[in-house]
Amino acid sequence: MTVERLYGAECIKNVCPGESAKEIGSVYCCDMLSVAMSKAPAGGCWVTVVSNLNTLAVASLTDCACVVIAGGVAVGDDVKEKAEKEGIALFTCEKPVFETALEVYEMLKG
């Protein structure tokens, strides 16, 4: 499944389109950036509640397909601008991390 498919998800809202043709191969959940830096899989959809510039740095370093900021956490303008500049697909979701990840997983497997 590509990042573009998330654009049509009911609860997941696009903040920055990034590279819409990137393939999502898995879903990864982690709120600890140092752990995500060493464990997030390339091509994964990273679901977290951490919404800051360091999140985008880790996403870039690990080559995540996209990042979903869950739990209704706000995304600041600085994060939006950086995601746009770096070409990182960024989404938000009001649901908690687990429910958000489950929705992406079901889309991935369905």
Foldseek 3Di string as FASTA:
>chain_A
DFQLVQCPDDFKHWLAAFPRRQAADAEAEDADLVCLLVDPAANHEYEYQDADPSVVVSCVNRNYRAYENEQPRDHDPVSSVVCNVVRHTYIYGNHDRVVVRVSVVVVVVD
